[in-house]
Amino acid sequence: MSMRDYVQKTRHLVSCIVTHPIDVASQVHVIIFGMREGMTRYCLTRAKPSTLEAAFALALREDYTVASSYARALTPDARASAPEPMEIDAIEAESRSRSTSTGRDRSGESSL
């Protein structure tokens, strides 16, 4: 589940609690520790947001920062250095030329 979906689902669940409301500090704690472990959760535990909306804003901002840093790590140069596919015809031609050259040496012709 993406962070944006998690925030939307949590907002909906919080809005449904009307009969026995939970204090804000407990809501923030439950939201933070309901996230999967990662940089976003780590930053939220260090920042200690005081309201639920502050926690949501910080979580979305950190999630965007982490995602964009991973995207920048994959530069076009890194993608360009990937192995290139070879043509099958070139491989077959190379193997044919090797087999014919070794066949001549075996036929008794001297290379002196």
N, C-alpha and C. Protein backbone atom coordinates (compact mmCIF):
# COMPACT_ATOMS: atom_id res chain seq x y z
N MET A 1 0.85 -1.17 0.00
CA MET A 1 0.00 0.00 0.00
C MET A 1 0.90 1.23 0.00
N SER A 2 0.58 2.18 -0.84
CA SER A 2 1.38 3.40 -0.90
C SER A 2 1.10 4.28 0.31
N MET A 3 1.99 5.21 0.56
CA MET A 3 1.82 6.11 1.70
C MET A 3 0.56 6.95 1.54
N ARG A 4 0.31 7.37 0.31
CA ARG A 4 -0.88 8.19 0.06
C ARG A 4 -2.16 7.40 0.37
N ASP A 5 -2.20 6.14 -0.04
CA ASP A 5 -3.36 5.29 0.27
C ASP A 5 -3.50 5.07 1.77
N TYR A 6 -2.36 4.87 2.44
CA TYR A 6 -2.37 4.67 3.89
C TYR A 6 -2.93 5.89 4.61
N VAL A 7 -2.52 7.07 4.17
CA VAL A 7 -3.01 8.31 4.79
C VAL A 7 -4.51 8.46 4.55
N GLN A 8 -4.96 8.21 3.33
CA GLN A 8 -6.39 8.34 3.03
C GLN A 8 -7.22 7.35 3.85
N LYS A 9 -6.75 6.11 3.94
CA LYS A 9 -7.47 5.10 4.71
C LYS A 9 -7.52 5.48 6.18
N THR A 10 -6.42 5.99 6.70
CA THR A 10 -6.37 6.38 8.10
C THR A 10 -7.28 7.57 8.38
N ARG A 11 -7.29 8.54 7.48
CA ARG A 11 -8.20 9.69 7.65
C ARG A 11 -9.65 9.22 7.71
N HIS A 12 -9.98 8.27 6.85
CA HIS A 12 -11.35 7.74 6.84
C HIS A 12 -11.66 7.03 8.16
N LEU A 13 -10.74 6.21 8.64
CA LEU A 13 -10.98 5.49 9.89
C LEU A 13 -11.10 6.43 11.07
N VAL A 14 -10.28 7.47 11.10
CA VAL A 14 -10.34 8.44 12.20
C VAL A 14 -11.67 9.20 12.17
N SER A 15 -12.15 9.50 10.97
CA SER A 15 -13.42 10.23 10.86
C SER A 15 -14.61 9.36 11.30
N CYS A 16 -14.45 8.05 11.26
CA CYS A 16 -15.53 7.15 11.67
C CYS A 16 -15.63 6.99 13.19
N ILE A 17 -14.58 7.36 13.91
CA ILE A 17 -14.59 7.21 15.37
C ILE A 17 -15.26 8.44 15.97
N VAL A 18 -16.51 8.29 16.38
CA VAL A 18 -17.23 9.42 16.97
C VAL A 18 -17.76 9.10 18.36
N THR A 19 -18.06 7.85 18.63
CA THR A 19 -18.65 7.52 19.92
C THR A 19 -17.62 7.51 21.05
N HIS A 20 -16.45 6.95 20.81
CA HIS A 20 -15.39 6.90 21.82
C HIS A 20 -14.11 7.44 21.20
N PRO A 21 -13.98 8.76 21.13
CA PRO A 21 -12.79 9.33 20.48
C PRO A 21 -11.50 9.00 21.24
N ILE A 22 -10.43 8.90 20.49
CA ILE A 22 -9.10 8.60 21.04
C ILE A 22 -8.32 9.91 21.07
N ASP A 23 -7.50 10.10 22.11
CA ASP A 23 -6.72 11.34 22.18
C ASP A 23 -5.72 11.39 21.01
N VAL A 24 -5.31 12.61 20.67
CA VAL A 24 -4.48 12.85 19.48
C VAL A 24 -3.13 12.17 19.60
N ALA A 25 -2.52 12.18 20.76
CA ALA A 25 -1.20 11.55 20.92
C ALA A 25 -1.27 10.05 20.63
N SER A 26 -2.33 9.41 21.08
CA SER A 26 -2.49 7.98 20.80
C SER A 26 -2.74 7.73 19.32
N GLN A 27 -3.52 8.60 18.68
CA GLN A 27 -3.76 8.46 17.24
C GLN A 27 -2.45 8.56 16.46
N VAL A 28 -1.63 9.55 16.80
CA VAL A 28 -0.35 9.73 16.11
C VAL A 28 0.54 8.51 16.34
N HIS A 29 0.57 8.00 17.56
CA HIS A 29 1.39 6.83 17.87
C HIS A 29 0.94 5.61 17.05
N VAL A 30 -0.36 5.38 16.99
CA VAL A 30 -0.89 4.24 16.24
C VAL A 30 -0.58 4.38 14.75
N ILE A 31 -0.71 5.58 14.22
CA ILE A 31 -0.44 5.82 12.80
C ILE A 31 1.03 5.55 12.48
N ILE A 32 1.92 6.07 13.29
CA ILE A 32 3.36 5.92 13.02
C ILE A 32 3.78 4.46 13.10
N PHE A 33 3.33 3.77 14.13
CA PHE A 33 3.78 2.38 14.29
C PHE A 33 2.96 1.41 13.45
N GLY A 34 1.96 1.90 12.75
CA GLY A 34 1.24 1.08 11.78
C GLY A 34 1.91 1.06 10.43
N MET A 35 2.86 1.97 10.23
CA MET A 35 3.59 2.04 8.95
C MET A 35 4.62 0.93 8.88
N ARG A 36 4.98 0.57 7.65
CA ARG A 36 6.09 -0.38 7.49
C ARG A 36 7.39 0.33 7.85
N GLU A 37 8.35 -0.45 8.27
CA GLU A 37 9.62 0.15 8.69
C GLU A 37 10.35 0.73 7.49
N GLY A 38 10.97 1.87 7.70
CA GLY A 38 11.71 2.53 6.64
C GLY A 38 12.07 3.94 7.07
N MET A 39 12.57 4.70 6.11
CA MET A 39 13.01 6.06 6.41
C MET A 39 11.85 6.96 6.83
N THR A 40 10.69 6.79 6.22
CA THR A 40 9.55 7.64 6.56
C THR A 40 9.15 7.42 8.02
N ARG A 41 9.03 6.17 8.42
CA ARG A 41 8.67 5.87 9.81
C ARG A 41 9.75 6.37 10.76
N TYR A 42 11.00 6.20 10.40
CA TYR A 42 12.11 6.67 11.23
C TYR A 42 12.05 8.18 11.43
N CYS A 43 11.80 8.92 10.35
CA CYS A 43 11.73 10.38 10.45
C CYS A 43 10.55 10.83 11.29
N LEU A 44 9.43 10.11 11.20
CA LEU A 44 8.26 10.47 12.00
C LEU A 44 8.50 10.20 13.49
N THR A 45 9.18 9.12 13.81
CA THR A 45 9.44 8.86 15.23
C THR A 45 10.41 9.87 15.81
N ARG A 46 11.32 10.38 14.99
CA ARG A 46 12.27 11.40 15.46
C ARG A 46 11.62 12.77 15.57
N ALA A 47 10.70 13.09 14.65
CA ALA A 47 10.09 14.43 14.63
C ALA A 47 9.03 14.60 15.71
N LYS A 48 8.38 13.53 16.11
CA LYS A 48 7.31 13.55 17.12
C LYS A 48 6.25 14.61 16.80
N PRO A 49 5.48 14.43 15.72
CA PRO A 49 4.44 15.41 15.38
C PRO A 49 3.37 15.48 16.46
N SER A 50 2.82 16.67 16.66
CA SER A 50 1.85 16.87 17.74
C SER A 50 0.41 16.61 17.29
N THR A 51 0.14 16.74 16.01
CA THR A 51 -1.22 16.49 15.51
C THR A 51 -1.19 15.42 14.43
N LEU A 52 -2.35 14.88 14.17
CA LEU A 52 -2.47 13.84 13.15
C LEU A 52 -2.19 14.40 11.76
N GLU A 53 -2.69 15.59 11.48
CA GLU A 53 -2.44 16.20 10.16
C GLU A 53 -0.97 16.54 9.96
N ALA A 54 -0.29 16.94 11.03
CA ALA A 54 1.15 17.20 10.93
C ALA A 54 1.89 15.90 10.63
N ALA A 55 1.45 14.80 11.23
CA ALA A 55 2.06 13.50 10.96
C ALA A 55 1.81 13.08 9.51
N PHE A 56 0.60 13.32 9.02
CA PHE A 56 0.30 12.98 7.62
C PHE A 56 1.15 13.80 6.66
N ALA A 57 1.24 15.10 6.92
CA ALA A 57 2.02 15.97 6.03
C ALA A 57 3.49 15.57 6.02
N LEU A 58 4.02 15.29 7.19
CA LEU A 58 5.43 14.88 7.28
C LEU A 58 5.66 13.52 6.61
N ALA A 59 4.73 12.61 6.80
CA ALA A 59 4.86 11.28 6.19
C ALA A 59 4.83 11.37 4.68
N LEU A 60 3.92 12.15 4.13
CA LEU A 60 3.85 12.29 2.67
C LEU A 60 5.08 12.99 2.12
N ARG A 61 5.57 14.00 2.83
CA ARG A 61 6.77 14.71 2.38
C ARG A 61 8.00 13.80 2.42
N GLU A 62 8.16 13.05 3.48
CA GLU A 62 9.30 12.14 3.60
C GLU A 62 9.22 11.01 2.58
N ASP A 63 8.01 10.51 2.35
CA ASP A 63 7.84 9.44 1.36
C ASP A 63 8.23 9.94 -0.02
N TYR A 64 7.84 11.16 -0.34
CA TYR A 64 8.21 11.75 -1.64
C TYR A 64 9.72 11.93 -1.74
N THR A 65 10.34 12.40 -0.65
CA THR A 65 11.79 12.62 -0.65
C THR A 65 12.54 11.30 -0.85
N VAL A 66 12.12 10.27 -0.15
CA VAL A 66 12.79 8.97 -0.27
C VAL A 66 12.60 8.40 -1.67
N ALA A 67 11.38 8.49 -2.21
CA ALA A 67 11.12 7.96 -3.55
C ALA A 67 11.91 8.72 -4.61
N SER A 68 12.00 10.03 -4.47
CA SER A 68 12.74 10.81 -5.48
C SER A 68 14.24 10.58 -5.36
N SER A 69 14.73 10.30 -4.16
CA SER A 69 16.17 10.02 -4.04
C SER A 69 16.52 8.69 -4.68
N TYR A 70 15.62 7.71 -4.63
CA TYR A 70 15.87 6.44 -5.31
C TYR A 70 15.81 6.63 -6.82
N ALA A 71 14.93 7.49 -7.29
CA ALA A 71 14.83 7.74 -8.73
C ALA A 71 16.08 8.43 -9.25
N ARG A 72 16.65 9.34 -8.46
CA ARG A 72 17.89 10.01 -8.88
C ARG A 72 19.08 9.08 -8.85
N ALA A 73 19.02 8.05 -8.01
CA ALA A 73 20.14 7.10 -7.93
C ALA A 73 20.27 6.31 -9.23
N LEU A 74 19.18 6.12 -9.93
CA LEU A 74 19.21 5.41 -11.21
C LEU A 74 19.36 6.42 -12.34
N THR A 75 20.55 6.91 -12.53
CA THR A 75 20.82 7.90 -13.57
C THR A 75 20.78 7.24 -14.94
N PRO A 76 20.63 8.02 -16.00
CA PRO A 76 20.64 7.44 -17.35
C PRO A 76 21.95 6.72 -17.67
N ASP A 77 23.07 7.18 -17.09
CA ASP A 77 24.35 6.50 -17.33
C ASP A 77 24.33 5.09 -16.76
N ALA A 78 23.70 4.92 -15.60
CA ALA A 78 23.63 3.59 -15.00
C ALA A 78 22.77 2.66 -15.85
N ARG A 79 21.70 3.20 -16.42
CA ARG A 79 20.85 2.37 -17.28
C ARG A 79 21.54 2.07 -18.60
N ALA A 80 22.36 3.01 -19.09
CA ALA A 80 23.02 2.82 -20.38
C ALA A 80 24.14 1.79 -20.29
N SER A 81 24.70 1.57 -19.11
CA SER A 81 25.79 0.63 -18.97
C SER A 81 25.32 -0.82 -18.86
N ALA A 82 24.04 -1.04 -18.98
CA ALA A 82 23.51 -2.40 -18.93
C ALA A 82 23.98 -3.17 -20.16
N PRO A 83 24.08 -4.49 -20.06
CA PRO A 83 24.53 -5.28 -21.21
C PRO A 83 23.57 -5.14 -22.38
N GLU A 84 24.15 -5.11 -23.57
CA GLU A 84 23.34 -4.99 -24.77
C GLU A 84 23.08 -6.36 -25.35
N PRO A 85 21.89 -6.60 -25.88
CA PRO A 85 21.60 -7.90 -26.47
C PRO A 85 22.41 -8.09 -27.75
N MET A 86 22.84 -9.32 -27.98
CA MET A 86 23.60 -9.62 -29.19
C MET A 86 22.68 -10.24 -30.24
N GLU A 87 23.08 -10.11 -31.47
CA GLU A 87 22.31 -10.73 -32.54
C GLU A 87 22.72 -12.19 -32.66
N ILE A 88 21.74 -13.05 -32.82
CA ILE A 88 22.00 -14.48 -32.93
C ILE A 88 22.82 -14.78 -34.19
N ASP A 89 22.56 -14.07 -35.28
CA ASP A 89 23.28 -14.32 -36.53
C ASP A 89 24.78 -14.08 -36.35
N ALA A 90 25.15 -13.06 -35.60
CA ALA A 90 26.56 -12.77 -35.38
C ALA A 90 27.22 -13.89 -34.59
N ILE A 91 26.52 -14.45 -33.62
CA ILE A 91 27.06 -15.54 -32.83
C ILE A 91 27.24 -16.79 -33.70
N GLU A 92 26.22 -17.09 -34.52
CA GLU A 92 26.31 -18.27 -35.39
C GLU A 92 27.43 -18.12 -36.41
N ALA A 93 27.60 -16.93 -36.99
CA ALA A 93 28.66 -16.71 -37.97
C ALA A 93 30.03 -16.86 -37.32
N GLU A 94 30.18 -16.38 -36.11
CA GLU A 94 31.45 -16.51 -35.39
C GLU A 94 31.75 -17.97 -35.11
N SER A 95 30.75 -18.73 -34.69
CA SER A 95 30.99 -20.15 -34.39
C SER A 95 31.30 -20.93 -35.67
N ARG A 96 30.66 -20.57 -36.81
CA ARG A 96 30.95 -21.23 -38.08
C ARG A 96 32.37 -20.95 -38.53
N SER A 97 32.83 -19.71 -38.38
CA SER A 97 34.19 -19.38 -38.80
C SER A 97 35.22 -20.08 -37.93
N ARG A 98 34.93 -20.26 -36.67
CA ARG A 98 35.85 -20.99 -35.79
C ARG A 98 35.89 -22.46 -36.15
N SER A 99 34.74 -23.04 -36.45
CA SER A 99 34.71 -24.48 -36.76
C SER A 99 35.39 -24.77 -38.09
N THR A 100 35.29 -23.88 -39.08
CA THR A 100 35.96 -24.12 -40.36
C THR A 100 37.45 -23.93 -40.24
N SER A 101 37.91 -23.01 -39.41
CA SER A 101 39.36 -22.81 -39.26
C SER A 101 39.99 -23.97 -38.50
N THR A 102 39.32 -24.55 -37.54
CA THR A 102 39.87 -25.70 -36.83
C THR A 102 39.80 -26.95 -37.69
N GLY A 103 38.83 -27.03 -38.60
CA GLY A 103 38.71 -28.16 -39.51
C GLY A 103 39.85 -28.21 -40.50
N ARG A 104 40.33 -27.08 -40.97
CA ARG A 104 41.45 -27.04 -41.91
C ARG A 104 42.73 -27.52 -41.25
N ASP A 105 42.93 -27.13 -39.99
CA ASP A 105 44.13 -27.55 -39.29
C ASP A 105 44.14 -29.07 -39.09
N ARG A 106 42.99 -29.66 -38.92
CA ARG A 106 42.89 -31.10 -38.69
C ARG A 106 43.03 -31.90 -39.98
N SER A 107 42.78 -31.27 -41.11
CA SER A 107 42.80 -32.01 -42.37
C SER A 107 44.20 -32.36 -42.83
N GLY A 108 45.20 -31.90 -42.15
CA GLY A 108 46.56 -32.28 -42.49
C GLY A 108 47.36 -31.16 -43.11
N GLU A 109 46.75 -30.02 -43.33
CA GLU A 109 47.52 -28.90 -43.89
C GLU A 109 48.45 -28.37 -42.82
N SER A 110 49.62 -28.13 -43.21
CA SER A 110 50.63 -27.62 -42.29
C SER A 110 50.61 -26.11 -42.32
N SER A 111 50.77 -25.49 -41.20
CA SER A 111 50.80 -24.04 -41.14
C SER A 111 52.23 -23.52 -41.12
N LEU A 112 53.25 -24.31 -41.59
CA LEU A 112 54.65 -23.88 -41.62
C LEU A 112 54.91 -22.97 -42.73
